[in-house]
Amino acid sequence: MLTTLTNQNNAMATGFVAMLPQIAISLIIVVITAIVARFTAKITDLLIGKTDIRPSLRQLIETLVKLGTWVLGLMIAAIVVFPDLTPGSLIAGLGIGAVAIGFAFQDIFENFLAGVLIMVREKMRIGDVIECEGIIGKVEHITLRETHIRALSGELTVVPNSVLFKNPVEILTDREQRRHDVVIGVSYDTNLDEAADVIRTAVSVIEQVDDEKGVDVFAQEFNSSSVDFLVRWWSGSAPRSGRESKDQVVRAIKRGLDEAGIEIPFPYITHTFKEKVPMGENPGEPSTGG
């Protein structure tokens, strides 16, 4: 038994020594692969830099080129160490291994695939302000696994790509402009046609409002103490641009209605009592009035 183990160890040692040249060559191939992968990434970046490809897609192409270089280099190194391996058998083995790894790291590969698809599709670029699953902010960085979203208040949220891919994403800055609205009420004794003209004129002259797309003023509903108008206009799509234009619109409407003598009412409250309320100076004394 001991002799058999000794012979096996000697055979393994002899085989390992015989394989040292192949191992050394394979290590050199790995080093060369690392150098070639770095150069191919730089060359790819130079070639793509002359085009109008968006940054996220550029990063994806560079990553795939680098990954392909590494896969090819490692395959060559494995064939050098194990000459019996063929490209076909190696690819088949990698396929079986990929399936097993895929089941073990399902979430990771799901985010990876979602990252690839997010980078490929045209919408949602870096710099866009988006809203998804209660997360609102500007897209700062997109990787193959996650996306960095900077909240409007400054916090950074790292979102798995699968969340952005499987759920509806509202892109607030997909276009340069979007429609904003505000509700304004006037008193019931107001001439509604006159009020609508005053509001439309006040909003149309604001610089941040796109007068080519017009200003909509709709009498919307009878409220408790006012007739409400829905005012809609087009301005910048960024959240700050929307707030700035709404600030100017509200100020202009208030100023225009004041100048026209049109009241913006506050809620009126009417109290009804079942019994007569004493009107005397002292609550306990009966009223002496008529």
C-alpha atoms as a PDB file:
ATOM      1  CA  MET A   1       0.000   0.000   0.000  1.00  0.00           C
ATOM      2  CA  LEU A   2       2.762   2.397   0.987  1.00  0.00           C
ATOM      3  CA  THR A   3       4.726   1.478  -2.121  1.00  0.00           C
ATOM      4  CA  THR A   4       1.708   2.208  -4.311  1.00  0.00           C
ATOM      5  CA  LEU A   5       1.216   5.650  -2.743  1.00  0.00           C
ATOM      6  CA  THR A   6       4.917   6.409  -3.127  1.00  0.00           C
ATOM      7  CA  ASN A   7       4.838   5.446  -6.772  1.00  0.00           C
ATOM      8  CA  GLN A   8       1.764   7.596  -7.371  1.00  0.00           C
ATOM      9  CA  ASN A   9       3.365  10.593  -5.673  1.00  0.00           C
ATOM     10  CA  ASN A  10       6.543  10.123  -7.682  1.00  0.00           C
ATOM     11  CA  ALA A  11       4.516   9.914 -10.883  1.00  0.00           C
ATOM     12  CA  MET A  12       2.608  13.073 -10.027  1.00  0.00           C
ATOM     13  CA  ALA A  13       5.822  14.913  -9.192  1.00  0.00           C
ATOM     14  CA  THR A  14       7.418  13.746 -12.420  1.00  0.00           C
ATOM     15  CA  GLY A  15       4.368  14.800 -14.396  1.00  0.00           C
ATOM     16  CA  PHE A  16       4.320  18.198 -12.703  1.00  0.00           C
ATOM     17  CA  VAL A  17       8.006  18.758 -13.474  1.00  0.00           C
ATOM     18  CA  ALA A  18       7.393  17.718 -17.075  1.00  0.00           C
ATOM     19  CA  MET A  19       4.549  20.265 -17.274  1.00  0.00           C
ATOM     20  CA  LEU A  20       6.606  23.163 -15.901  1.00  0.00           C
ATOM     21  CA  PRO A  21       7.509  24.490 -19.371  1.00  0.00           C
ATOM     22  CA  GLN A  22       3.841  24.472 -20.415  1.00  0.00           C
ATOM     23  CA  ILE A  23       2.821  26.184 -17.156  1.00  0.00           C
ATOM     24  CA  ALA A  24       5.488  28.836 -17.653  1.00  0.00           C
ATOM     25  CA  ILE A  25       4.321  29.427 -21.215  1.00  0.00           C
ATOM     26  CA  SER A  26       0.691  29.653 -20.061  1.00  0.00           C
ATOM     27  CA  LEU A  27       1.633  32.237 -17.406  1.00  0.00           C
ATOM     28  CA  ILE A  28       3.416  34.267 -20.063  1.00  0.00           C
ATOM     29  CA  ILE A  29       0.275  34.042 -22.205  1.00  0.00           C
ATOM     30  CA  VAL A  30      -1.817  35.331 -19.277  1.00  0.00           C
ATOM     31  CA  VAL A  31       0.546  38.299 -18.820  1.00  0.00           C
ATOM     32  CA  ILE A  32       0.436  39.027 -22.556  1.00  0.00           C
ATOM     33  CA  THR A  33      -3.362  38.755 -22.441  1.00  0.00           C
ATOM     34  CA  ALA A  34      -3.514  41.375 -19.687  1.00  0.00           C
ATOM     35  CA  ILE A  35      -1.340  43.736 -21.745  1.00  0.00           C
ATOM     36  CA  VAL A  36      -3.300  43.109 -24.933  1.00  0.00           C
ATOM     37  CA  ALA A  37      -6.630  43.601 -23.130  1.00  0.00           C
ATOM     38  CA  ARG A  38      -5.469  46.984 -21.840  1.00  0.00           C
ATOM     39  CA  PHE A  39      -4.310  48.079 -25.288  1.00  0.00           C
ATOM     40  CA  THR A  40      -7.444  46.837 -27.041  1.00  0.00           C
ATOM     41  CA  ALA A  41      -9.574  48.795 -24.542  1.00  0.00           C
ATOM     42  CA  LYS A  42      -7.580  51.963 -25.264  1.00  0.00           C
ATOM     43  CA  ILE A  43      -7.752  51.422 -29.032  1.00  0.00           C
ATOM     44  CA  THR A  44     -11.498  50.817 -28.785  1.00  0.00           C
ATOM     45  CA  ASP A  45     -11.890  53.994 -26.745  1.00  0.00           C
ATOM     46  CA  LEU A  46      -9.962  55.995 -29.359  1.00  0.00           C
ATOM     47  CA  LEU A  47     -12.046  54.597 -32.209  1.00  0.00           C
ATOM     48  CA  ILE A  48     -15.367  55.087 -30.435  1.00  0.00           C
ATOM     49  CA  GLY A  49     -14.352  58.541 -29.190  1.00  0.00           C
ATOM     50  CA  LYS A  50     -14.646  59.837 -32.761  1.00  0.00           C
ATOM     51  CA  THR A  51     -18.316  58.808 -32.922  1.00  0.00           C
ATOM     52  CA  ASP A  52     -21.477  60.106 -31.237  1.00  0.00           C
ATOM     53  CA  ILE A  53     -22.054  56.922 -29.209  1.00  0.00           C
ATOM     54  CA  ARG A  54     -23.435  57.711 -25.758  1.00  0.00           C
ATOM     55  CA  PRO A  55     -21.124  57.075 -22.758  1.00  0.00           C
ATOM     56  CA  SER A  56     -23.026  54.054 -21.381  1.00  0.00           C
ATOM     57  CA  LEU A  57     -22.851  52.191 -24.710  1.00  0.00           C
ATOM     58  CA  ARG A  58     -19.195  53.139 -25.094  1.00  0.00           C
ATOM     59  CA  GLN A  59     -18.444  51.607 -21.709  1.00  0.00           C
ATOM     60  CA  LEU A  60     -20.320  48.437 -22.677  1.00  0.00           C
ATOM     61  CA  ILE A  61     -18.325  48.023 -25.896  1.00  0.00           C
ATOM     62  CA  GLU A  62     -15.023  48.541 -24.082  1.00  0.00           C
ATOM     63  CA  THR A  63     -15.994  45.986 -21.430  1.00  0.00           C
ATOM     64  CA  LEU A  64     -17.026  43.384 -24.010  1.00  0.00           C
ATOM     65  CA  VAL A  65     -13.805  43.863 -25.999  1.00  0.00           C
ATOM     66  CA  LYS A  66     -11.723  43.456 -22.839  1.00  0.00           C
ATOM     67  CA  LEU A  67     -13.759  40.429 -21.739  1.00  0.00           C
ATOM     68  CA  GLY A  68     -13.430  38.791 -25.167  1.00  0.00           C
ATOM     69  CA  THR A  69      -9.650  39.304 -25.117  1.00  0.00           C
ATOM     70  CA  TRP A  70      -9.402  37.672 -21.702  1.00  0.00           C
ATOM     71  CA  VAL A  71     -11.563  34.711 -22.675  1.00  0.00           C
ATOM     72  CA  LEU A  72      -9.466  34.071 -25.781  1.00  0.00           C
ATOM     73  CA  GLY A  73      -6.201  34.404 -23.884  1.00  0.00           C
ATOM     74  CA  LEU A  74      -7.276  32.070 -21.068  1.00  0.00           C
ATOM     75  CA  MET A  75      -8.491  29.485 -23.569  1.00  0.00           C
ATOM     76  CA  ILE A  76      -5.089  29.503 -25.302  1.00  0.00           C
ATOM     77  CA  ALA A  77      -3.295  29.222 -21.949  1.00  0.00           C
ATOM     78  CA  ALA A  78      -5.496  26.259 -20.919  1.00  0.00           C
ATOM     79  CA  ILE A  79      -4.820  24.452 -24.214  1.00  0.00           C
ATOM     80  CA  VAL A  80      -1.069  24.973 -23.752  1.00  0.00           C
ATOM     81  CA  VAL A  81      -1.168  23.406 -20.262  1.00  0.00           C
ATOM     82  CA  PHE A  82      -3.542  20.601 -21.308  1.00  0.00           C
ATOM     83  CA  PRO A  83      -2.792  19.738 -24.954  1.00  0.00           C
ATOM     84  CA  ASP A  84      -5.609  17.193 -25.056  1.00  0.00           C
ATOM     85  CA  LEU A  85      -8.120  20.023 -24.744  1.00  0.00           C
ATOM     86  CA  THR A  86      -9.734  21.183 -27.948  1.00  0.00           C
ATOM     87  CA  PRO A  87     -11.566  24.471 -28.465  1.00  0.00           C
ATOM     88  CA  GLY A  88     -14.812  22.520 -28.876  1.00  0.00           C
ATOM     89  CA  SER A  89     -14.491  20.579 -25.642  1.00  0.00           C
ATOM     90  CA  LEU A  90     -13.354  23.698 -23.812  1.00  0.00           C
ATOM     91  CA  ILE A  91     -16.357  25.671 -25.044  1.00  0.00           C
ATOM     92  CA  ALA A  92     -18.678  22.800 -24.082  1.00  0.00           C
ATOM     93  CA  GLY A  93     -17.151  22.678 -20.616  1.00  0.00           C
ATOM     94  CA  LEU A  94     -17.511  26.414 -20.252  1.00  0.00           C
ATOM     95  CA  GLY A  95     -21.152  26.125 -21.269  1.00  0.00           C
ATOM     96  CA  ILE A  96     -21.906  23.523 -18.616  1.00  0.00           C
ATOM     97  CA  GLY A  97     -19.999  25.537 -16.042  1.00  0.00           C
ATOM     98  CA  ALA A  98     -21.833  28.698 -17.020  1.00  0.00           C
ATOM     99  CA  VAL A  99     -25.190  26.998 -16.448  1.00  0.00           C
ATOM    100  CA  ALA A 100     -24.142  25.826 -12.990  1.00  0.00           C
ATOM    101  CA  ILE A 101     -22.727  29.226 -12.084  1.00  0.00           C
ATOM    102  CA  GLY A 102     -25.834  30.889 -13.472  1.00  0.00           C
ATOM    103  CA  PHE A 103     -28.076  29.010 -11.057  1.00  0.00           C
ATOM    104  CA  ALA A 104     -25.761  29.787  -8.144  1.00  0.00           C
ATOM    105  CA  PHE A 105     -25.453  33.506  -8.941  1.00  0.00           C
ATOM    106  CA  GLN A 106     -28.818  34.157 -10.550  1.00  0.00           C
ATOM    107  CA  ASP A 107     -29.262  37.665  -9.131  1.00  0.00           C
ATOM    108  CA  ILE A 108     -25.781  38.752 -10.197  1.00  0.00           C
ATOM    109  CA  PHE A 109     -26.264  37.535 -13.765  1.00  0.00           C
ATOM    110  CA  GLU A 110     -29.742  39.054 -13.860  1.00  0.00           C
ATOM    111  CA  ASN A 111     -28.308  42.461 -12.985  1.00  0.00           C
ATOM    112  CA  PHE A 112     -25.467  41.927 -15.472  1.00  0.00           C
ATOM    113  CA  LEU A 113     -27.849  41.147 -18.331  1.00  0.00           C
ATOM    114  CA  ALA A 114     -30.125  44.027 -17.324  1.00  0.00           C
ATOM    115  CA  GLY A 115     -27.080  46.331 -17.335  1.00  0.00           C
ATOM    116  CA  VAL A 116     -26.193  45.260 -20.873  1.00  0.00           C
ATOM    117  CA  LEU A 117     -29.741  45.878 -22.084  1.00  0.00           C
ATOM    118  CA  ILE A 118     -29.927  49.258 -20.315  1.00  0.00           C
ATOM    119  CA  MET A 119     -26.677  50.353 -21.953  1.00  0.00           C
ATOM    120  CA  VAL A 120     -27.827  49.184 -25.380  1.00  0.00           C
ATOM    121  CA  ARG A 121     -31.219  50.882 -25.375  1.00  0.00           C
ATOM    122  CA  GLU A 122     -31.385  54.504 -26.406  1.00  0.00           C
ATOM    123  CA  LYS A 123     -33.422  55.884 -23.516  1.00  0.00           C
ATOM    124  CA  MET A 124     -32.197  56.795 -20.026  1.00  0.00           C
ATOM    125  CA  ARG A 125     -28.831  58.380 -20.566  1.00  0.00           C
ATOM    126  CA  ILE A 126     -26.353  59.633 -18.005  1.00  0.00           C
ATOM    127  CA  GLY A 127     -27.571  63.026 -16.799  1.00  0.00           C
ATOM    128  CA  ASP A 128     -31.281  62.209 -17.125  1.00  0.00           C
ATOM    129  CA  VAL A 129     -33.557  62.791 -14.138  1.00  0.00           C
ATOM    130  CA  ILE A 130     -35.674  59.677 -13.590  1.00  0.00           C
ATOM    131  CA  GLU A 131     -38.252  58.282 -11.189  1.00  0.00           C
ATOM    132  CA  CYS A 132     -38.574  54.552 -10.455  1.00  0.00           C
ATOM    133  CA  GLU A 133     -40.043  52.734  -7.470  1.00  0.00           C
ATOM    134  CA  GLY A 134     -40.114  55.937  -5.419  1.00  0.00           C
ATOM    135  CA  ILE A 135     -36.510  56.842  -6.310  1.00  0.00           C
ATOM    136  CA  ILE A 136     -36.115  60.272  -7.944  1.00  0.00           C
ATOM    137  CA  GLY A 137     -32.768  61.656  -9.050  1.00  0.00           C
ATOM    138  CA  LYS A 138     -30.178  62.212 -11.752  1.00  0.00           C
ATOM    139  CA  VAL A 139     -28.406  59.248 -13.380  1.00  0.00           C
ATOM    140  CA  GLU A 140     -24.695  59.673 -12.633  1.00  0.00           C
ATOM    141  CA  HIS A 141     -23.130  56.348 -13.605  1.00  0.00           C
ATOM    142  CA  ILE A 142     -24.219  53.077 -15.233  1.00  0.00           C
ATOM    143  CA  THR A 143     -22.222  49.878 -14.765  1.00  0.00           C
ATOM    144  CA  LEU A 144     -22.922  46.304 -15.792  1.00  0.00           C
ATOM    145  CA  ARG A 145     -24.370  45.536 -12.356  1.00  0.00           C
ATOM    146  CA  GLU A 146     -25.791  48.735 -10.885  1.00  0.00           C
ATOM    147  CA  THR A 147     -26.782  52.318 -11.615  1.00  0.00           C
ATOM    148  CA  HIS A 148     -25.880  55.319  -9.466  1.00  0.00           C
ATOM    149  CA  ILE A 149     -28.717  57.834  -9.010  1.00  0.00           C
ATOM    150  CA  ARG A 150     -28.073  61.142  -7.256  1.00  0.00           C
ATOM    151  CA  ALA A 151     -31.184  62.387  -5.443  1.00  0.00           C
ATOM    152  CA  LEU A 152     -32.207  66.004  -5.928  1.00  0.00           C
ATOM    153  CA  SER A 153     -31.361  66.597  -2.267  1.00  0.00           C
ATOM    154  CA  GLY A 154     -27.817  65.249  -2.752  1.00  0.00           C
ATOM    155  CA  GLU A 155     -27.983  61.632  -1.544  1.00  0.00           C
ATOM    156  CA  LEU A 156     -26.628  58.844  -3.747  1.00  0.00           C
ATOM    157  CA  THR A 157     -28.730  55.718  -4.340  1.00  0.00           C
ATOM    158  CA  VAL A 158     -27.127  52.588  -5.827  1.00  0.00           C
ATOM    159  CA  VAL A 159     -29.876  50.740  -7.698  1.00  0.00           C
ATOM    160  CA  PRO A 160     -29.509  47.173  -9.069  1.00  0.00           C
ATOM    161  CA  ASN A 161     -29.997  47.222 -12.836  1.00  0.00           C
ATOM    162  CA  SER A 162     -32.730  44.591 -12.656  1.00  0.00           C
ATOM    163  CA  VAL A 163     -34.922  47.050 -10.713  1.00  0.00           C
ATOM    164  CA  LEU A 164     -34.618  49.649 -13.471  1.00  0.00           C
ATOM    165  CA  PHE A 165     -35.174  47.085 -16.200  1.00  0.00           C
ATOM    166  CA  LYS A 166     -38.187  45.232 -14.769  1.00  0.00           C
ATOM    167  CA  ASN A 167     -40.095  48.261 -13.458  1.00  0.00           C
ATOM    168  CA  PRO A 168     -41.517  51.304 -15.237  1.00  0.00           C
ATOM    169  CA  VAL A 169     -39.035  54.179 -15.349  1.00  0.00           C
ATOM    170  CA  GLU A 170     -40.317  57.733 -15.806  1.00  0.00           C
ATOM    171  CA  ILE A 171     -37.666  59.865 -17.543  1.00  0.00           C
ATOM    172  CA  LEU A 172     -38.458  63.443 -16.568  1.00  0.00           C
ATOM    173  CA  THR A 173     -35.829  64.980 -18.850  1.00  0.00           C
ATOM    174  CA  ASP A 174     -36.403  62.851 -21.946  1.00  0.00           C
ATOM    175  CA  ARG A 175     -37.235  66.102 -23.770  1.00  0.00           C
ATOM    176  CA  GLU A 176     -35.998  69.624 -23.183  1.00  0.00           C
ATOM    177  CA  GLN A 177     -39.480  70.797 -22.195  1.00  0.00           C
ATOM    178  CA  ARG A 178     -42.503  69.352 -20.452  1.00  0.00           C
ATOM    179  CA  ARG A 179     -45.873  70.648 -19.364  1.00  0.00           C
ATOM    180  CA  HIS A 180     -46.451  72.090 -15.904  1.00  0.00           C
ATOM    181  CA  ASP A 181     -49.705  73.147 -14.242  1.00  0.00           C
ATOM    182  CA  VAL A 182     -51.125  75.046 -11.293  1.00  0.00           C
ATOM    183  CA  VAL A 183     -54.672  75.576  -9.962  1.00  0.00           C
ATOM    184  CA  ILE A 184     -55.922  79.085  -9.180  1.00  0.00           C
ATOM    185  CA  GLY A 185     -59.331  80.075  -7.769  1.00  0.00           C
ATOM    186  CA  VAL A 186     -61.378  83.244  -8.264  1.00  0.00           C
ATOM    187  CA  SER A 187     -64.491  84.427  -6.431  1.00  0.00           C
ATOM    188  CA  TYR A 188     -67.975  83.465  -7.614  1.00  0.00           C
ATOM    189  CA  ASP A 189     -68.904  87.009  -8.606  1.00  0.00           C
ATOM    190  CA  THR A 190     -66.001  87.175 -11.091  1.00  0.00           C
ATOM    191  CA  ASN A 191     -66.495  87.350 -14.847  1.00  0.00           C
ATOM    192  CA  LEU A 192     -64.806  84.065 -15.786  1.00  0.00           C
ATOM    193  CA  ASP A 193     -63.992  85.128 -19.352  1.00  0.00           C
ATOM    194  CA  GLU A 194     -62.219  88.234 -18.062  1.00  0.00           C
ATOM    195  CA  ALA A 195     -60.358  86.223 -15.416  1.00  0.00           C
ATOM    196  CA  ALA A 196     -59.195  83.669 -18.014  1.00  0.00           C
ATOM    197  CA  ASP A 197     -57.882  86.446 -20.276  1.00  0.00           C
ATOM    198  CA  VAL A 198     -56.020  88.083 -17.392  1.00  0.00           C
ATOM    199  CA  ILE A 199     -54.411  84.782 -16.360  1.00  0.00           C
ATOM    200  CA  ARG A 200     -53.432  83.856 -19.922  1.00  0.00           C
ATOM    201  CA  THR A 201     -51.891  87.268 -20.575  1.00  0.00           C
ATOM    202  CA  ALA A 202     -49.953  87.223 -17.294  1.00  0.00           C
ATOM    203  CA  VAL A 203     -48.459  83.781 -17.954  1.00  0.00           C
ATOM    204  CA  SER A 204     -47.703  84.293 -21.652  1.00  0.00           C
ATOM    205  CA  VAL A 205     -45.254  87.158 -21.066  1.00  0.00           C
ATOM    206  CA  ILE A 206     -43.032  85.133 -18.711  1.00  0.00           C
ATOM    207  CA  GLU A 207     -39.636  84.470 -20.311  1.00  0.00           C
ATOM    208  CA  GLN A 208     -39.376  80.855 -19.097  1.00  0.00           C
ATOM    209  CA  VAL A 209     -42.768  79.933 -20.611  1.00  0.00           C
ATOM    210  CA  ASP A 210     -42.804  78.722 -24.225  1.00  0.00           C
ATOM    211  CA  ASP A 211     -45.412  81.000 -25.767  1.00  0.00           C
ATOM    212  CA  GLU A 212     -45.261  79.107 -29.077  1.00  0.00           C
ATOM    213  CA  LYS A 213     -46.926  76.104 -27.437  1.00  0.00           C
ATOM    214  CA  GLY A 214     -49.462  78.364 -25.822  1.00  0.00           C
ATOM    215  CA  VAL A 215     -50.946  78.659 -22.341  1.00  0.00           C
ATOM    216  CA  ASP A 216     -54.057  76.666 -21.448  1.00  0.00           C
ATOM    217  CA  VAL A 217     -56.564  78.141 -18.996  1.00  0.00           C
ATOM    218  CA  PHE A 218     -59.532  75.886 -18.198  1.00  0.00           C
ATOM    219  CA  ALA A 219     -62.365  76.552 -15.769  1.00  0.00           C
ATOM    220  CA  GLN A 220     -62.062  73.307 -13.850  1.00  0.00           C
ATOM    221  CA  GLU A 221     -64.587  73.058 -11.016  1.00  0.00           C
ATOM    222  CA  PHE A 222     -66.851  74.802  -8.513  1.00  0.00           C
ATOM    223  CA  ASN A 223     -64.970  74.708  -5.256  1.00  0.00           C
ATOM    224  CA  SER A 224     -66.325  75.524  -1.780  1.00  0.00           C
ATOM    225  CA  SER A 225     -65.534  79.238  -2.027  1.00  0.00           C
ATOM    226  CA  SER A 226     -64.127  79.728  -5.520  1.00  0.00           C
ATOM    227  CA  VAL A 227     -64.298  78.768  -9.163  1.00  0.00           C
ATOM    228  CA  ASP A 228     -60.998  77.017  -9.925  1.00  0.00           C
ATOM    229  CA  PHE A 229     -58.960  77.415 -13.110  1.00  0.00           C
ATOM    230  CA  LEU A 230     -56.402  74.857 -14.292  1.00  0.00           C
ATOM    231  CA  VAL A 231     -53.462  76.713 -15.844  1.00  0.00           C
ATOM    232  CA  ARG A 232     -51.005  74.715 -17.994  1.00  0.00           C
ATOM    233  CA  TRP A 233     -47.817  75.832 -19.746  1.00  0.00           C
ATOM    234  CA  TRP A 234     -44.594  74.429 -21.236  1.00  0.00           C
ATOM    235  CA  SER A 235     -41.181  75.078 -19.729  1.00  0.00           C
ATOM    236  CA  GLY A 236     -37.866  73.344 -18.947  1.00  0.00           C
ATOM    237  CA  SER A 237     -38.107  69.651 -18.061  1.00  0.00           C
ATOM    238  CA  ALA A 238     -35.538  69.664 -15.250  1.00  0.00           C
ATOM    239  CA  PRO A 239     -37.114  69.773 -11.764  1.00  0.00           C
ATOM    240  CA  ARG A 240     -35.445  73.079 -10.891  1.00  0.00           C
ATOM    241  CA  SER A 241     -36.599  74.642 -14.164  1.00  0.00           C
ATOM    242  CA  GLY A 242     -40.140  73.504 -13.389  1.00  0.00           C
ATOM    243  CA  ARG A 243     -40.054  75.023  -9.899  1.00  0.00           C
ATOM    244  CA  GLU A 244     -38.593  78.292 -11.176  1.00  0.00           C
ATOM    245  CA  SER A 245     -41.217  78.626 -13.903  1.00  0.00           C
ATOM    246  CA  LYS A 246     -44.036  77.769 -11.451  1.00  0.00           C
ATOM    247  CA  ASP A 247     -42.732  80.441  -9.075  1.00  0.00           C
ATOM    248  CA  GLN A 248     -42.835  83.036 -11.849  1.00  0.00           C
ATOM    249  CA  VAL A 249     -46.284  81.889 -13.019  1.00  0.00           C
ATOM    250  CA  VAL A 250     -47.840  82.096  -9.549  1.00  0.00           C
ATOM    251  CA  ARG A 251     -46.357  85.562  -8.975  1.00  0.00           C
ATOM    252  CA  ALA A 252     -47.518  86.803 -12.382  1.00  0.00           C
ATOM    253  CA  ILE A 253     -51.071  85.473 -11.930  1.00  0.00           C
ATOM    254  CA  LYS A 254     -51.365  87.031  -8.476  1.00  0.00           C
ATOM    255  CA  ARG A 255     -50.075  90.355  -9.769  1.00  0.00           C
ATOM    256  CA  GLY A 256     -52.372  90.307 -12.815  1.00  0.00           C
ATOM    257  CA  LEU A 257     -55.505  89.452 -10.832  1.00  0.00           C
ATOM    258  CA  ASP A 258     -54.720  92.146  -8.237  1.00  0.00           C
ATOM    259  CA  GLU A 259     -54.305  94.763 -10.946  1.00  0.00           C
ATOM    260  CA  ALA A 260     -57.605  93.698 -12.545  1.00  0.00           C
ATOM    261  CA  GLY A 261     -59.407  93.864  -9.188  1.00  0.00           C
ATOM    262  CA  ILE A 262     -60.247  90.141  -9.265  1.00  0.00           C
ATOM    263  CA  GLU A 263     -60.414  88.471  -5.870  1.00  0.00           C
ATOM    264  CA  ILE A 264     -58.581  85.258  -5.020  1.00  0.00           C
ATOM    265  CA  PRO A 265     -60.853  84.107  -2.170  1.00  0.00           C
ATOM    266  CA  PHE A 266     -59.982  82.206   0.931  1.00  0.00           C
ATOM    267  CA  PRO A 267     -62.382  79.579   2.324  1.00  0.00           C
ATOM    268  CA  TYR A 268     -65.511  80.952   3.982  1.00  0.00           C
ATOM    269  CA  ILE A 269     -67.018  79.147   6.980  1.00  0.00           C
ATOM    270  CA  THR A 270     -70.719  79.493   7.920  1.00  0.00           C
ATOM    271  CA  HIS A 271     -71.809  78.444  11.417  1.00  0.00           C
ATOM    272  CA  THR A 272     -75.439  77.352  11.993  1.00  0.00           C
ATOM    273  CA  PHE A 273     -76.924  77.181  15.507  1.00  0.00           C
ATOM    274  CA  LYS A 274     -80.113  75.319  16.484  1.00  0.00           C
ATOM    275  CA  GLU A 275     -81.044  77.933  19.122  1.00  0.00           C
ATOM    276  CA  LYS A 276     -80.973  81.736  19.132  1.00  0.00           C
ATOM    277  CA  VAL A 277     -77.590  83.094  20.183  1.00  0.00           C
ATOM    278  CA  PRO A 278     -77.727  85.852  22.874  1.00  0.00           C
ATOM    279  CA  MET A 279     -76.412  89.157  21.571  1.00  0.00           C
ATOM    280  CA  GLY A 280     -76.114  90.997  24.925  1.00  0.00           C
ATOM    281  CA  GLU A 281     -72.870  92.259  26.428  1.00  0.00           C
ATOM    282  CA  ASN A 282     -72.859  89.456  29.017  1.00  0.00           C
ATOM    283  CA  PRO A 283     -73.462  85.932  27.766  1.00  0.00           C
ATOM    284  CA  GLY A 284     -75.687  85.213  30.805  1.00  0.00           C
ATOM    285  CA  GLU A 285     -78.020  88.220  30.264  1.00  0.00           C
ATOM    286  CA  PRO A 286     -80.796  88.278  27.661  1.00  0.00           C
ATOM    287  CA  SER A 287     -80.376  90.517  24.691  1.00  0.00           C
ATOM    288  CA  THR A 288     -82.015  93.982  24.930  1.00  0.00           C
ATOM    289  CA  GLY A 289     -81.870  94.548  21.225  1.00  0.00           C
ATOM    290  CA  GLY A 290     -84.872  94.535  18.932  1.00  0.00           C
END
